[in-house]
Amino acid sequence: MGFFTFATWALLAFQALQIHAAIEVEDIEEIEEDTENGPASTPNLQVSVSASFPQSEIFGIKLVNGHPTQAVLSFENGEPTPITVAFIGGSLWTPTMSPQGQQLVRNLTTIRYNVEIPAGEKETLTYSFATEMHPQDLTLSLVSVLGNNEGMFYTMQAFNETVSVVEAPTSIFDPQIVFLYLFLAGIFAGTCYFIYNTWVAQLFPQKRRGGKGGERAKRSSGQSKKVDPTDQVSVLGADGPAVTSGAQAYDESWIPAHHINRPEAKRVNSGATKVKTKPRA
């Protein structure tokens, strides 16, 4: 527990001291004069550390919002004794040329490793972090906390350069974009339908669906199906001959035979001789 607390405070203290990086030369000389009679508080470790970004582009390192950024830290131990990589963390700062001076923008995730590097060996560790910020240019600082066998901890800066925070590229096949297109298309179609029914439809004459009885009768008679004269059957009734359509328009089974086989009417010549009557006496 004490190991974790001490290393965390060491990392935070190093990040806080970066704000006061602009120290005058006279102050440094005074500190060196005060430490001439005693040992140095931070010995010169024979350890080198560097950071690289495999996903970086030619135009620089870009931190894509919503996507993890992977940094690869390479350690080389030149000490005669092993060292331990306790923590790796980072922070984002405003550019050094900012009018307001360099200010802390956001602290990144601090990851605990506790990886021991033997003397004269090399080790590679991966540090990943993600951002959700407005697109801008910032200074990325990556710091590692190292420990030795004596229980002493030291901070070493692995990276301190300018990076760009950018938005993730959008695709037309993104589900959110597709849903947005469908939603906007529905609103547009509803608006067009409302405008057509409200203003445009009134400019065109509309046909009447119904009419008077005579007009409906004409339409019904005009649309009636024409009957083939060969399919018409002559029926002789009491009121005179009638015509029905179809080969057989009635059932003959219930009609008596003497009604069906009726004698044909004899024609009378109009030029028949008149009967002479005798004159009365």
Protein backbone atom coordinates (compact mmCIF):
# COMPACT_ATOMS: atom_id res chain seq x y z
CA MET A 1 0.00 0.00 0.00
CA GLY A 2 2.85 2.38 0.85
CA PHE A 3 4.57 1.56 -2.44
CA PHE A 4 1.47 2.49 -4.43
CA THR A 5 0.87 5.75 -2.49
CA PHE A 6 4.45 6.97 -2.71
CA ALA A 7 4.76 6.26 -6.44
CA THR A 8 1.44 8.00 -7.19
CA TRP A 9 2.47 11.10 -5.27
CA ALA A 10 5.79 11.13 -7.09
CA LEU A 11 4.06 11.08 -10.48
CA LEU A 12 1.61 13.83 -9.53
CA ALA A 13 4.39 15.95 -8.10
CA PHE A 14 6.35 15.69 -11.34
CA GLN A 15 3.36 16.78 -13.40
CA ALA A 16 2.72 19.71 -11.07
CA LEU A 17 6.37 20.85 -11.26
CA GLN A 18 6.08 21.18 -15.06
CA ILE A 19 4.09 24.37 -14.55
CA HIS A 20 7.20 26.00 -13.10
CA ALA A 21 9.53 24.78 -15.85
CA ALA A 22 10.74 28.34 -16.66
CA ILE A 23 13.31 28.67 -13.88
CA GLU A 24 15.99 31.33 -14.21
CA VAL A 25 19.64 30.32 -14.55
CA GLU A 26 20.59 32.20 -11.36
CA ASP A 27 18.20 30.05 -9.28
CA ILE A 28 19.69 26.84 -10.72
CA GLU A 29 23.18 28.02 -9.82
CA GLU A 30 22.10 28.75 -6.25
CA ILE A 31 20.62 25.25 -5.92
CA GLU A 32 23.86 23.71 -7.22
CA GLU A 33 25.93 25.70 -4.69
CA ASP A 34 23.71 24.49 -1.84
CA THR A 35 24.15 20.83 -2.86
CA GLU A 36 27.94 20.89 -3.28
CA ASN A 37 28.58 19.71 0.28
CA GLY A 38 26.02 16.89 0.18
CA PRO A 39 24.78 14.11 -2.16
CA ALA A 40 22.39 14.93 -5.02
CA SER A 41 18.73 14.38 -4.25
CA THR A 42 18.16 12.72 -7.68
CA PRO A 43 21.07 10.62 -8.93
CA ASN A 44 21.76 10.38 -12.64
CA LEU A 45 20.19 7.07 -13.64
CA GLN A 46 21.61 5.23 -16.64
CA VAL A 47 18.15 4.54 -17.96
CA SER A 48 16.73 5.75 -21.26
CA VAL A 49 13.07 5.82 -22.22
CA SER A 50 11.39 6.85 -25.47
CA ALA A 51 7.83 6.78 -26.78
CA SER A 52 6.46 6.04 -30.23
CA PHE A 53 2.97 5.96 -31.73
CA PRO A 54 2.38 3.15 -34.25
CA GLN A 55 -0.89 4.69 -35.46
CA SER A 56 0.59 8.13 -36.11
CA GLU A 57 0.47 9.74 -39.54
CA ILE A 58 3.03 11.55 -41.63
CA PHE A 59 1.57 14.93 -40.70
CA GLY A 60 1.94 14.33 -36.97
CA ILE A 61 0.35 12.55 -34.03
CA LYS A 62 -3.44 12.81 -33.87
CA LEU A 63 -5.61 11.92 -30.89
CA VAL A 64 -8.95 10.77 -32.31
CA ASN A 65 -11.90 11.40 -30.01
CA GLY A 66 -13.64 8.23 -28.92
CA HIS A 67 -10.82 5.97 -30.15
CA PRO A 68 -7.96 4.70 -27.96
CA THR A 69 -4.51 6.08 -28.71
CA GLN A 70 -1.68 3.59 -28.28
CA ALA A 71 1.79 4.68 -27.21
CA VAL A 72 4.73 2.27 -27.06
CA LEU A 73 7.36 3.10 -24.43
CA SER A 74 10.81 1.55 -24.83
CA PHE A 75 13.04 1.28 -21.72
CA GLU A 76 16.75 0.46 -21.66
CA ASN A 77 18.37 -0.21 -18.31
CA GLY A 78 22.05 0.79 -18.20
CA GLU A 79 22.28 0.39 -14.43
CA PRO A 80 24.20 -2.46 -12.80
CA THR A 81 21.09 -3.33 -10.81
CA PRO A 82 17.53 -4.04 -11.95
CA ILE A 83 14.92 -1.30 -12.04
CA THR A 84 11.14 -1.50 -11.83
CA VAL A 85 8.67 0.42 -13.99
CA ALA A 86 6.00 1.20 -11.42
CA PHE A 87 3.59 3.57 -13.20
CA ILE A 88 3.06 5.29 -16.53
CA GLY A 89 0.80 8.31 -16.83
CA GLY A 90 0.27 11.39 -18.91
CA SER A 91 -1.33 14.79 -19.18
CA LEU A 92 -2.40 17.31 -21.79
CA TRP A 93 -1.20 20.92 -21.61
CA THR A 94 -1.76 24.07 -23.57
CA PRO A 95 1.01 24.88 -26.08
CA THR A 96 4.14 26.49 -24.71
CA MET A 97 3.63 29.51 -26.98
CA SER A 98 0.17 30.24 -25.53
CA PRO A 99 -0.31 33.89 -24.41
CA GLN A 100 -1.66 32.72 -21.05
CA GLY A 101 1.31 30.42 -20.52
CA GLN A 102 1.34 26.65 -20.30
CA GLN A 103 -1.67 25.38 -18.38
CA LEU A 104 -2.89 21.92 -17.49
CA VAL A 105 -5.91 20.89 -19.58
CA ARG A 106 -6.53 17.27 -18.54
CA ASN A 107 -4.80 14.42 -16.73
CA LEU A 108 -4.76 11.09 -18.50
CA THR A 109 -5.15 7.63 -17.02
CA THR A 110 -2.34 6.40 -14.77
CA ILE A 111 -1.63 2.68 -15.23
CA ARG A 112 0.27 0.50 -12.78
CA TYR A 113 2.79 -1.97 -14.31
CA ASN A 114 5.38 -3.13 -11.72
CA VAL A 115 7.56 -4.61 -14.47
CA GLU A 116 11.17 -5.34 -13.52
CA ILE A 117 13.90 -4.72 -16.08
CA PRO A 118 17.17 -6.55 -15.39
CA ALA A 119 20.53 -4.79 -15.67
CA GLY A 120 21.54 -4.14 -19.27
CA GLU A 121 18.18 -5.32 -20.64
CA LYS A 122 15.46 -3.63 -22.67
CA GLU A 123 11.70 -3.69 -22.22
CA THR A 124 8.73 -2.38 -24.22
CA LEU A 125 5.45 -1.41 -22.58
CA THR A 126 2.19 -0.23 -24.14
CA TYR A 127 0.23 2.70 -22.75
CA SER A 128 -3.27 3.41 -24.09
CA PHE A 129 -5.58 6.34 -23.41
CA ALA A 130 -8.62 8.02 -24.99
CA THR A 131 -9.82 11.60 -25.31
CA GLU A 132 -13.14 13.40 -25.65
CA MET A 133 -12.31 17.04 -26.29
CA HIS A 134 -12.80 19.84 -28.76
CA PRO A 135 -10.44 19.68 -31.75
CA GLN A 136 -7.29 21.63 -30.88
CA ASP A 137 -3.51 21.43 -30.64
CA LEU A 138 -2.11 20.48 -27.23
CA THR A 139 1.13 19.32 -25.68
CA LEU A 140 1.16 15.66 -24.67
CA SER A 141 3.39 14.71 -21.74
CA LEU A 142 4.05 11.05 -20.86
CA VAL A 143 5.88 10.28 -17.61
CA SER A 144 7.10 7.01 -16.10
CA VAL A 145 7.84 6.29 -12.42
CA LEU A 146 10.90 4.03 -11.89
CA GLY A 147 12.07 2.31 -8.75
CA ASN A 148 15.31 0.60 -7.72
CA ASN A 149 16.20 -2.13 -5.24
CA GLU A 150 16.74 0.41 -2.48
CA GLY A 151 13.11 1.51 -2.57
CA MET A 152 13.82 4.87 -4.21
CA PHE A 153 11.50 6.16 -6.94
CA TYR A 154 12.33 8.49 -9.79
CA THR A 155 10.31 10.10 -12.54
CA MET A 156 11.44 10.13 -16.16
CA GLN A 157 9.72 11.92 -19.01
CA ALA A 158 9.14 9.73 -22.05
CA PHE A 159 7.36 12.14 -24.39
CA ASN A 160 6.65 15.88 -24.47
CA GLU A 161 5.55 17.14 -27.88
CA THR A 162 2.61 18.81 -29.60
CA VAL A 163 -0.27 16.64 -30.78
CA SER A 164 -3.61 17.36 -32.46
CA VAL A 165 -7.00 16.38 -31.06
CA VAL A 166 -9.39 15.59 -33.95
CA GLU A 167 -12.87 14.18 -34.40
CA ALA A 168 -13.44 10.64 -35.63
CA PRO A 169 -14.12 10.36 -39.39
CA THR A 170 -17.77 9.73 -40.23
CA SER A 171 -19.08 7.11 -42.67
CA ILE A 172 -22.41 7.01 -44.53
CA PHE A 173 -22.85 3.41 -43.34
CA ASP A 174 -22.69 4.42 -39.69
CA PRO A 175 -25.98 3.32 -37.99
CA GLN A 176 -26.39 6.71 -36.35
CA ILE A 177 -25.94 8.50 -39.67
CA VAL A 178 -28.38 6.14 -41.43
CA PHE A 179 -31.01 6.70 -38.73
CA LEU A 180 -30.50 10.46 -39.03
CA TYR A 181 -31.00 10.32 -42.80
CA LEU A 182 -34.22 8.29 -42.42
CA PHE A 183 -35.54 10.68 -39.79
CA LEU A 184 -34.85 13.74 -41.94
CA ALA A 185 -36.38 12.03 -45.00
CA GLY A 186 -39.58 11.30 -43.05
CA ILE A 187 -39.86 14.92 -41.90
CA PHE A 188 -39.31 16.15 -45.47
CA ALA A 189 -41.94 13.78 -46.91
CA GLY A 190 -44.50 14.80 -44.26
CA THR A 191 -43.87 18.49 -44.93
CA CYS A 192 -44.31 18.03 -48.69
CA TYR A 193 -47.56 16.10 -48.18
CA PHE A 194 -48.94 18.82 -45.91
CA ILE A 195 -48.04 21.58 -48.39
CA TYR A 196 -49.62 19.65 -51.29
CA ASN A 197 -52.94 19.05 -49.49
CA THR A 198 -53.10 22.59 -48.13
CA TRP A 199 -52.21 24.73 -51.16
CA VAL A 200 -51.37 22.73 -54.27
CA ALA A 201 -54.42 20.43 -54.36
CA GLN A 202 -56.80 23.41 -54.39
CA LEU A 203 -55.37 24.64 -57.70
CA PHE A 204 -56.55 21.57 -59.65
CA PRO A 205 -60.27 20.89 -60.45
CA GLN A 206 -61.67 17.82 -58.77
CA LYS A 207 -64.16 15.43 -60.47
CA ARG A 208 -67.51 14.86 -58.81
CA ARG A 209 -68.03 11.35 -57.60
CA GLY A 210 -71.87 11.38 -57.80
CA GLY A 211 -74.59 13.17 -59.76
CA LYS A 212 -78.30 13.31 -60.42
CA GLY A 213 -80.39 10.24 -61.16
CA GLY A 214 -80.49 10.88 -64.91
CA GLU A 215 -76.73 11.26 -65.10
CA ARG A 216 -76.16 8.09 -63.09
CA ALA A 217 -78.66 6.24 -65.35
CA LYS A 218 -76.83 7.42 -68.45
CA ARG A 219 -73.52 6.33 -67.02
CA SER A 220 -74.92 2.95 -66.02
CA SER A 221 -76.54 2.43 -69.42
CA GLY A 222 -73.45 3.56 -71.23
CA GLN A 223 -71.33 1.14 -69.23
CA SER A 224 -73.74 -1.81 -69.68
CA LYS A 225 -72.46 -4.78 -71.60
CA LYS A 226 -73.55 -5.13 -75.20
CA VAL A 227 -75.54 -8.29 -76.06
CA ASP A 228 -74.77 -10.35 -79.12
CA PRO A 229 -77.89 -10.60 -81.38
CA THR A 230 -77.24 -14.31 -81.92
CA ASP A 231 -77.68 -14.93 -78.18
CA GLN A 232 -81.14 -13.29 -78.11
CA VAL A 233 -84.17 -15.55 -77.74
CA SER A 234 -87.65 -14.52 -78.77
CA VAL A 235 -90.33 -15.19 -76.19
CA LEU A 236 -93.97 -14.81 -77.05
CA GLY A 237 -96.11 -13.60 -74.21
CA ALA A 238 -99.48 -12.18 -73.59
CA ASP A 239 -98.25 -8.65 -74.07
CA GLY A 240 -96.43 -9.43 -77.29
CA PRO A 241 -93.10 -10.76 -78.27
CA ALA A 242 -90.16 -10.15 -75.96
CA VAL A 243 -86.44 -10.69 -76.32
CA THR A 244 -84.19 -12.20 -73.69
CA SER A 245 -80.47 -12.62 -73.85
CA GLY A 246 -78.68 -15.91 -73.51
CA ALA A 247 -79.24 -19.37 -74.93
CA GLN A 248 -81.82 -20.16 -72.21
CA ALA A 249 -83.05 -17.57 -69.77
CA TYR A 250 -85.47 -19.83 -67.78
CA ASP A 251 -85.96 -23.35 -66.46
CA GLU A 252 -88.42 -25.36 -68.59
CA SER A 253 -88.88 -28.22 -66.15
CA TRP A 254 -91.73 -26.59 -64.26
CA ILE A 255 -93.62 -25.24 -67.31
CA PRO A 256 -96.48 -27.46 -68.65
CA ALA A 257 -95.95 -28.94 -72.09
CA HIS A 258 -99.06 -27.31 -73.64
CA HIS A 259 -97.71 -23.95 -72.68
CA ILE A 260 -94.39 -24.64 -74.25
CA ASN A 261 -95.73 -26.13 -77.51
CA ARG A 262 -98.24 -23.44 -78.28
CA PRO A 263 -99.75 -23.41 -81.78
CA GLU A 264 -98.48 -20.80 -84.11
CA ALA A 265 -100.88 -17.98 -84.95
CA LYS A 266 -102.28 -18.12 -88.47
CA ARG A 267 -101.88 -15.10 -90.59
CA VAL A 268 -104.98 -13.62 -92.20
CA ASN A 269 -104.68 -11.99 -95.59
CA SER A 270 -105.81 -8.43 -95.56
CA GLY A 271 -107.16 -8.77 -99.14
CA ALA A 272 -109.81 -11.46 -98.34
CA THR A 273 -113.20 -11.26 -100.14
CA LYS A 274 -116.08 -9.83 -98.26
CA VAL A 275 -119.31 -11.85 -97.82
CA LYS A 276 -122.23 -10.35 -99.72
CA THR A 277 -125.41 -9.97 -97.81
CA LYS A 278 -128.81 -10.06 -99.37
CA PRO A 279 -130.83 -6.88 -99.29
CA ARG A 280 -133.77 -6.87 -97.07
CA ALA A 281 -137.21 -6.85 -98.57
